[in-house]
Amino acid sequence: MTAVWTFGDSITAGTWLADPGTQSWPSRLDALLGDGVQVRNLGVGGQAVAYADPGGKRMDAWVLESLAAVPAVERPAVVLFAGGLNDMIRNTDVGPTRQAIFELGNRIASWYPTVRFLVMTITPYRSDAGYAVPLSERRATLNAWIRAQYGPAGQLVDTGDLLTAGATYADVRYFLDHLHPDEEGTAILAHGVHDQLKEKGLPCP
């Protein structure tokens, strides 16, 4: 059984969905990949990459802790990393988030060379949210860096514009609120991730 672990915030966890166990994008991805692949959802609502959540944990630390907690034979073939949305809310400077993602990727490559680290661009904010303009600008800056940093290395899963209206704000047809995709939105995300994994030949049962 090939394992794919997904890390992220409430978008990955499936916050506000009626049944995250079947409606979150990782759950839908699991169904799309079929037999021989198991997708594990390790998303934590409210978690940021470079800043501690209310429980005192950063997403980069959570990834490393999770990998260290299992023997080598139980580690995933692929880590899908979808962090950064909450960072944009907490700080005007995307620099610490970029650095944290970069250092996390280097540590995984050094400590867990059999694990493929893939970075996802982050989803949009809805335009009717009062703070959407500055957050959208930060999001665009972070996503541009992710594409430039991880695209050439084959480590990019580019889902950032799948749920946008005009490639800037969230398309209201696919969202429950100003942040969280609805069932149709998570289905679009899952298919986007699935197609890009297949293009890379990953995962391979």
C-alpha atoms as a PDB file:
ATOM      1  CA  MET A   1       0.000   0.000   0.000  1.00  0.00           C
ATOM      2  CA  THR A   2       1.419   3.357  -1.085  1.00  0.00           C
ATOM      3  CA  ALA A   3       0.785   6.190   1.364  1.00  0.00           C
ATOM      4  CA  VAL A   4       0.179   9.856   0.586  1.00  0.00           C
ATOM      5  CA  TRP A   5       0.091  12.234   3.563  1.00  0.00           C
ATOM      6  CA  THR A   6      -1.590  15.621   3.254  1.00  0.00           C
ATOM      7  CA  PHE A   7      -0.688  18.530   5.517  1.00  0.00           C
ATOM      8  CA  GLY A   8      -2.468  21.867   5.612  1.00  0.00           C
ATOM      9  CA  ASP A   9      -4.900  24.037   7.525  1.00  0.00           C
ATOM     10  CA  SER A  10      -8.707  24.008   7.677  1.00  0.00           C
ATOM     11  CA  ILE A  11      -8.920  23.791   3.871  1.00  0.00           C
ATOM     12  CA  THR A  12      -7.214  20.398   4.066  1.00  0.00           C
ATOM     13  CA  ALA A  13      -8.918  19.331   7.282  1.00  0.00           C
ATOM     14  CA  GLY A  14     -12.332  20.006   5.730  1.00  0.00           C
ATOM     15  CA  THR A  15     -13.603  22.528   8.242  1.00  0.00           C
ATOM     16  CA  TRP A  16     -17.339  23.355   7.973  1.00  0.00           C
ATOM     17  CA  LEU A  17     -18.055  20.495   5.575  1.00  0.00           C
ATOM     18  CA  ALA A  18     -20.917  18.263   6.668  1.00  0.00           C
ATOM     19  CA  ASP A  19     -18.706  15.146   6.472  1.00  0.00           C
ATOM     20  CA  PRO A  20     -14.972  15.904   6.210  1.00  0.00           C
ATOM     21  CA  GLY A  21     -14.277  12.170   6.175  1.00  0.00           C
ATOM     22  CA  THR A  22     -15.771  11.914   2.697  1.00  0.00           C
ATOM     23  CA  GLN A  23     -15.986  15.530   1.475  1.00  0.00           C
ATOM     24  CA  SER A  24     -12.543  17.017   2.197  1.00  0.00           C
ATOM     25  CA  TRP A  25     -10.226  17.198  -0.781  1.00  0.00           C
ATOM     26  CA  PRO A  26      -7.834  14.557   0.669  1.00  0.00           C
ATOM     27  CA  SER A  27     -10.762  12.158   1.129  1.00  0.00           C
ATOM     28  CA  ARG A  28     -11.885  12.750  -2.433  1.00  0.00           C
ATOM     29  CA  LEU A  29      -8.298  12.313  -3.650  1.00  0.00           C
ATOM     30  CA  ASP A  30      -8.152   8.972  -1.834  1.00  0.00           C
ATOM     31  CA  ALA A  31     -11.229   7.800  -3.742  1.00  0.00           C
ATOM     32  CA  LEU A  32      -9.792   9.007  -7.061  1.00  0.00           C
ATOM     33  CA  LEU A  33      -6.449   7.242  -6.574  1.00  0.00           C
ATOM     34  CA  GLY A  34      -8.222   3.977  -5.824  1.00  0.00           C
ATOM     35  CA  ASP A  35      -6.876   0.664  -4.587  1.00  0.00           C
ATOM     36  CA  GLY A  36      -3.229   0.473  -3.682  1.00  0.00           C
ATOM     37  CA  VAL A  37      -2.994   4.080  -2.471  1.00  0.00           C
ATOM     38  CA  GLN A  38      -4.064   5.436   0.900  1.00  0.00           C
ATOM     39  CA  VAL A  39      -4.368   9.172   1.481  1.00  0.00           C
ATOM     40  CA  ARG A  40      -4.016  10.280   5.102  1.00  0.00           C
ATOM     41  CA  ASN A  41      -5.436  13.665   6.065  1.00  0.00           C
ATOM     42  CA  LEU A  42      -3.193  15.403   8.618  1.00  0.00           C
ATOM     43  CA  GLY A  43      -4.636  18.880   8.137  1.00  0.00           C
ATOM     44  CA  VAL A  44      -5.138  20.988  11.281  1.00  0.00           C
ATOM     45  CA  GLY A  45      -7.596  23.879  11.314  1.00  0.00           C
ATOM     46  CA  GLY A  46      -5.983  27.211  12.162  1.00  0.00           C
ATOM     47  CA  GLN A  47      -2.435  25.953  11.711  1.00  0.00           C
ATOM     48  CA  ALA A  48       0.153  28.180  10.033  1.00  0.00           C
ATOM     49  CA  VAL A  49       3.559  27.289   8.624  1.00  0.00           C
ATOM     50  CA  ALA A  50       5.832  29.788  10.338  1.00  0.00           C
ATOM     51  CA  TYR A  51       3.705  30.727  13.363  1.00  0.00           C
ATOM     52  CA  ALA A  52       2.462  28.584  16.225  1.00  0.00           C
ATOM     53  CA  ASP A  53      -1.248  27.767  16.403  1.00  0.00           C
ATOM     54  CA  PRO A  54      -3.198  28.090  19.707  1.00  0.00           C
ATOM     55  CA  GLY A  55      -1.910  24.641  20.636  1.00  0.00           C
ATOM     56  CA  GLY A  56       1.662  25.862  20.241  1.00  0.00           C
ATOM     57  CA  LYS A  57       2.529  23.920  17.078  1.00  0.00           C
ATOM     58  CA  ARG A  58       3.757  25.067  13.671  1.00  0.00           C
ATOM     59  CA  MET A  59       2.913  23.154  10.514  1.00  0.00           C
ATOM     60  CA  ASP A  60       6.543  22.549   9.587  1.00  0.00           C
ATOM     61  CA  ALA A  61       7.176  21.006  13.003  1.00  0.00           C
ATOM     62  CA  TRP A  62       3.993  18.913  12.689  1.00  0.00           C
ATOM     63  CA  VAL A  63       5.216  17.427   9.408  1.00  0.00           C
ATOM     64  CA  LEU A  64       8.598  16.445  10.845  1.00  0.00           C
ATOM     65  CA  GLU A  65       7.056  15.123  14.051  1.00  0.00           C
ATOM     66  CA  SER A  66       4.628  12.957  12.061  1.00  0.00           C
ATOM     67  CA  LEU A  67       7.369  11.498   9.875  1.00  0.00           C
ATOM     68  CA  ALA A  68       9.594  10.776  12.871  1.00  0.00           C
ATOM     69  CA  ALA A  69       6.779   9.012  14.725  1.00  0.00           C
ATOM     70  CA  VAL A  70       6.598   6.035  12.362  1.00  0.00           C
ATOM     71  CA  PRO A  71       9.174   3.446  11.231  1.00  0.00           C
ATOM     72  CA  ALA A  72      10.668   3.808   7.774  1.00  0.00           C
ATOM     73  CA  VAL A  73       8.397   1.177   6.223  1.00  0.00           C
ATOM     74  CA  GLU A  74       5.314   3.154   7.279  1.00  0.00           C
ATOM     75  CA  ARG A  75       6.430   6.517   5.943  1.00  0.00           C
ATOM     76  CA  PRO A  76       4.586   7.965   2.953  1.00  0.00           C
ATOM     77  CA  ALA A  77       5.854   7.955  -0.591  1.00  0.00           C
ATOM     78  CA  VAL A  78       4.471  11.476  -1.019  1.00  0.00           C
ATOM     79  CA  VAL A  79       3.886  14.419   1.315  1.00  0.00           C
ATOM     80  CA  LEU A  80       1.450  16.996  -0.078  1.00  0.00           C
ATOM     81  CA  PHE A  81       2.050  20.292   1.713  1.00  0.00           C
ATOM     82  CA  ALA A  82      -0.743  22.886   1.491  1.00  0.00           C
ATOM     83  CA  GLY A  83       0.254  25.489   4.057  1.00  0.00           C
ATOM     84  CA  GLY A  84       0.373  29.268   4.120  1.00  0.00           C
ATOM     85  CA  LEU A  85      -3.191  30.552   4.090  1.00  0.00           C
ATOM     86  CA  ASN A  86      -3.218  31.363   7.815  1.00  0.00           C
ATOM     87  CA  ASP A  87       0.273  32.853   7.605  1.00  0.00           C
ATOM     88  CA  MET A  88      -1.082  35.548   5.278  1.00  0.00           C
ATOM     89  CA  ILE A  89      -3.584  36.512   7.972  1.00  0.00           C
ATOM     90  CA  ARG A  90      -0.996  36.674  10.747  1.00  0.00           C
ATOM     91  CA  ASN A  91       1.821  38.622   9.121  1.00  0.00           C
ATOM     92  CA  THR A  92       2.259  41.107   6.280  1.00  0.00           C
ATOM     93  CA  ASP A  93       5.693  39.645   5.461  1.00  0.00           C
ATOM     94  CA  VAL A  94       5.647  36.373   3.493  1.00  0.00           C
ATOM     95  CA  GLY A  95       9.394  35.949   4.045  1.00  0.00           C
ATOM     96  CA  PRO A  96       9.165  33.783   7.188  1.00  0.00           C
ATOM     97  CA  THR A  97       6.669  31.482   5.480  1.00  0.00           C
ATOM     98  CA  ARG A  98       8.866  31.067   2.419  1.00  0.00           C
ATOM     99  CA  GLN A  99      11.867  30.324   4.617  1.00  0.00           C
ATOM    100  CA  ALA A 100       9.972  27.796   6.735  1.00  0.00           C
ATOM    101  CA  ILE A 101       8.731  25.903   3.655  1.00  0.00           C
ATOM    102  CA  PHE A 102      12.199  25.956   2.100  1.00  0.00           C
ATOM    103  CA  GLU A 103      13.878  24.654   5.253  1.00  0.00           C
ATOM    104  CA  LEU A 104      11.218  21.979   5.704  1.00  0.00           C
ATOM    105  CA  GLY A 105      11.799  20.698   2.185  1.00  0.00           C
ATOM    106  CA  ASN A 106      15.545  20.563   2.766  1.00  0.00           C
ATOM    107  CA  ARG A 107      15.130  18.647   6.023  1.00  0.00           C
ATOM    108  CA  ILE A 108      12.817  16.093   4.450  1.00  0.00           C
ATOM    109  CA  ALA A 109      15.232  15.608   1.541  1.00  0.00           C
ATOM    110  CA  SER A 110      18.116  15.105   3.968  1.00  0.00           C
ATOM    111  CA  TRP A 111      16.420  13.036   6.685  1.00  0.00           C
ATOM    112  CA  TYR A 112      13.793  11.148   4.672  1.00  0.00           C
ATOM    113  CA  PRO A 113      15.142  10.769   1.122  1.00  0.00           C
ATOM    114  CA  THR A 114      12.469   8.227   0.140  1.00  0.00           C
ATOM    115  CA  VAL A 115       9.688  10.781   0.806  1.00  0.00           C
ATOM    116  CA  ARG A 116       8.682  13.005  -2.132  1.00  0.00           C
ATOM    117  CA  PHE A 117       7.874  16.514  -0.840  1.00  0.00           C
ATOM    118  CA  LEU A 118       5.328  18.351  -3.029  1.00  0.00           C
ATOM    119  CA  VAL A 119       4.195  21.920  -2.350  1.00  0.00           C
ATOM    120  CA  MET A 120       0.727  23.167  -3.262  1.00  0.00           C
ATOM    121  CA  THR A 121      -0.119  26.769  -4.057  1.00  0.00           C
ATOM    122  CA  ILE A 122      -2.719  28.133  -1.631  1.00  0.00           C
ATOM    123  CA  THR A 123      -6.385  28.766  -2.305  1.00  0.00           C
ATOM    124  CA  PRO A 124      -7.927  32.253  -2.630  1.00  0.00           C
ATOM    125  CA  TYR A 125      -9.925  34.492  -0.302  1.00  0.00           C
ATOM    126  CA  ARG A 126     -13.396  35.667  -1.205  1.00  0.00           C
ATOM    127  CA  SER A 127     -13.638  39.307  -2.317  1.00  0.00           C
ATOM    128  CA  ASP A 128     -16.432  40.179   0.119  1.00  0.00           C
ATOM    129  CA  ALA A 129     -14.141  39.533   3.076  1.00  0.00           C
ATOM    130  CA  GLY A 130     -13.049  42.887   4.499  1.00  0.00           C
ATOM    131  CA  TYR A 131      -9.383  41.908   4.505  1.00  0.00           C
ATOM    132  CA  ALA A 132      -9.310  40.259   1.061  1.00  0.00           C
ATOM    133  CA  VAL A 133      -7.239  42.871  -0.793  1.00  0.00           C
ATOM    134  CA  PRO A 134      -4.033  42.731   1.299  1.00  0.00           C
ATOM    135  CA  LEU A 135      -4.378  38.978   1.838  1.00  0.00           C
ATOM    136  CA  SER A 136      -4.801  38.367  -1.873  1.00  0.00           C
ATOM    137  CA  GLU A 137      -1.667  40.378  -2.594  1.00  0.00           C
ATOM    138  CA  ARG A 138       0.320  38.333  -0.064  1.00  0.00           C
ATOM    139  CA  ARG A 139      -1.166  35.120  -1.424  1.00  0.00           C
ATOM    140  CA  ALA A 140      -0.122  36.084  -4.948  1.00  0.00           C
ATOM    141  CA  THR A 141       3.419  36.796  -3.751  1.00  0.00           C
ATOM    142  CA  LEU A 142       3.699  33.482  -1.916  1.00  0.00           C
ATOM    143  CA  ASN A 143       2.197  31.476  -4.776  1.00  0.00           C
ATOM    144  CA  ALA A 144       4.560  33.100  -7.277  1.00  0.00           C
ATOM    145  CA  TRP A 145       7.497  32.049  -5.101  1.00  0.00           C
ATOM    146  CA  ILE A 146       6.175  28.482  -4.725  1.00  0.00           C
ATOM    147  CA  ARG A 147       5.797  28.184  -8.500  1.00  0.00           C
ATOM    148  CA  ALA A 148       9.297  29.530  -9.159  1.00  0.00           C
ATOM    149  CA  GLN A 149      10.933  27.486  -6.386  1.00  0.00           C
ATOM    150  CA  TYR A 150       9.225  24.126  -6.840  1.00  0.00           C
ATOM    151  CA  GLY A 151       8.002  24.113 -10.439  1.00  0.00           C
ATOM    152  CA  PRO A 152      11.409  23.517 -12.076  1.00  0.00           C
ATOM    153  CA  ALA A 153      12.193  20.793  -9.515  1.00  0.00           C
ATOM    154  CA  GLY A 154       8.988  18.893 -10.268  1.00  0.00           C
ATOM    155  CA  GLN A 155       7.736  19.452  -6.727  1.00  0.00           C
ATOM    156  CA  LEU A 156       4.854  21.815  -7.551  1.00  0.00           C
ATOM    157  CA  VAL A 157       1.159  20.953  -7.365  1.00  0.00           C
ATOM    158  CA  ASP A 158      -0.438  24.121  -8.690  1.00  0.00           C
ATOM    159  CA  THR A 159      -3.996  24.327  -7.375  1.00  0.00           C
ATOM    160  CA  GLY A 160      -3.966  27.989  -6.342  1.00  0.00           C
ATOM    161  CA  ASP A 161      -6.150  29.257  -9.189  1.00  0.00           C
ATOM    162  CA  LEU A 162      -8.580  26.347  -9.528  1.00  0.00           C
ATOM    163  CA  LEU A 163     -11.215  28.050  -7.371  1.00  0.00           C
ATOM    164  CA  THR A 164     -10.664  31.665  -8.397  1.00  0.00           C
ATOM    165  CA  ALA A 165     -12.749  34.271 -10.152  1.00  0.00           C
ATOM    166  CA  GLY A 166     -10.454  36.221 -12.451  1.00  0.00           C
ATOM    167  CA  ALA A 167      -7.440  34.418 -10.931  1.00  0.00           C
ATOM    168  CA  THR A 168      -7.606  36.734  -7.915  1.00  0.00           C
ATOM    169  CA  TYR A 169     -10.533  36.175  -5.572  1.00  0.00           C
ATOM    170  CA  ALA A 170     -12.445  33.065  -4.604  1.00  0.00           C
ATOM    171  CA  ASP A 171     -15.285  32.089  -6.919  1.00  0.00           C
ATOM    172  CA  VAL A 172     -18.371  32.270  -4.683  1.00  0.00           C
ATOM    173  CA  ARG A 173     -19.882  29.225  -6.408  1.00  0.00           C
ATOM    174  CA  TYR A 174     -17.325  26.982  -4.711  1.00  0.00           C
ATOM    175  CA  PHE A 175     -17.100  28.387  -1.173  1.00  0.00           C
ATOM    176  CA  LEU A 176     -18.988  28.043   2.098  1.00  0.00           C
ATOM    177  CA  ASP A 177     -17.612  31.330   3.439  1.00  0.00           C
ATOM    178  CA  HIS A 178     -14.687  33.689   2.782  1.00  0.00           C
ATOM    179  CA  LEU A 179     -12.109  30.892   3.134  1.00  0.00           C
ATOM    180  CA  HIS A 180     -13.523  27.364   3.034  1.00  0.00           C
ATOM    181  CA  PRO A 181     -14.453  25.453  -0.137  1.00  0.00           C
ATOM    182  CA  ASP A 182     -17.797  23.696  -0.315  1.00  0.00           C
ATOM    183  CA  GLU A 183     -18.343  20.164  -1.624  1.00  0.00           C
ATOM    184  CA  GLU A 184     -18.010  21.232  -5.244  1.00  0.00           C
ATOM    185  CA  GLY A 185     -14.870  23.201  -4.416  1.00  0.00           C
ATOM    186  CA  THR A 186     -13.174  20.273  -2.684  1.00  0.00           C
ATOM    187  CA  ALA A 187     -14.056  18.025  -5.623  1.00  0.00           C
ATOM    188  CA  ILE A 188     -12.366  20.469  -8.016  1.00  0.00           C
ATOM    189  CA  LEU A 189      -9.280  20.601  -5.790  1.00  0.00           C
ATOM    190  CA  ALA A 190      -9.096  16.808  -5.527  1.00  0.00           C
ATOM    191  CA  HIS A 191      -9.325  16.348  -9.285  1.00  0.00           C
ATOM    192  CA  GLY A 192      -6.668  19.009  -9.814  1.00  0.00           C
ATOM    193  CA  VAL A 193      -4.275  17.315  -7.404  1.00  0.00           C
ATOM    194  CA  HIS A 194      -5.050  13.899  -8.858  1.00  0.00           C
ATOM    195  CA  ASP A 195      -4.336  14.978 -12.423  1.00  0.00           C
ATOM    196  CA  GLN A 196      -1.022  16.592 -11.494  1.00  0.00           C
ATOM    197  CA  LEU A 197       0.113  13.571  -9.480  1.00  0.00           C
ATOM    198  CA  LYS A 198      -0.625  11.346 -12.447  1.00  0.00           C
ATOM    199  CA  GLU A 199       1.330  13.662 -14.735  1.00  0.00           C
ATOM    200  CA  LYS A 200       4.309  13.176 -12.423  1.00  0.00           C
ATOM    201  CA  GLY A 201       3.816   9.415 -12.331  1.00  0.00           C
ATOM    202  CA  LEU A 202       2.947   9.597  -8.614  1.00  0.00           C
ATOM    203  CA  PRO A 203       2.069   7.797  -6.515  1.00  0.00           C
ATOM    204  CA  CYS A 204       3.050   4.408  -7.872  1.00  0.00           C
ATOM    205  CA  PRO A 205       1.479   1.459  -6.039  1.00  0.00           C
END
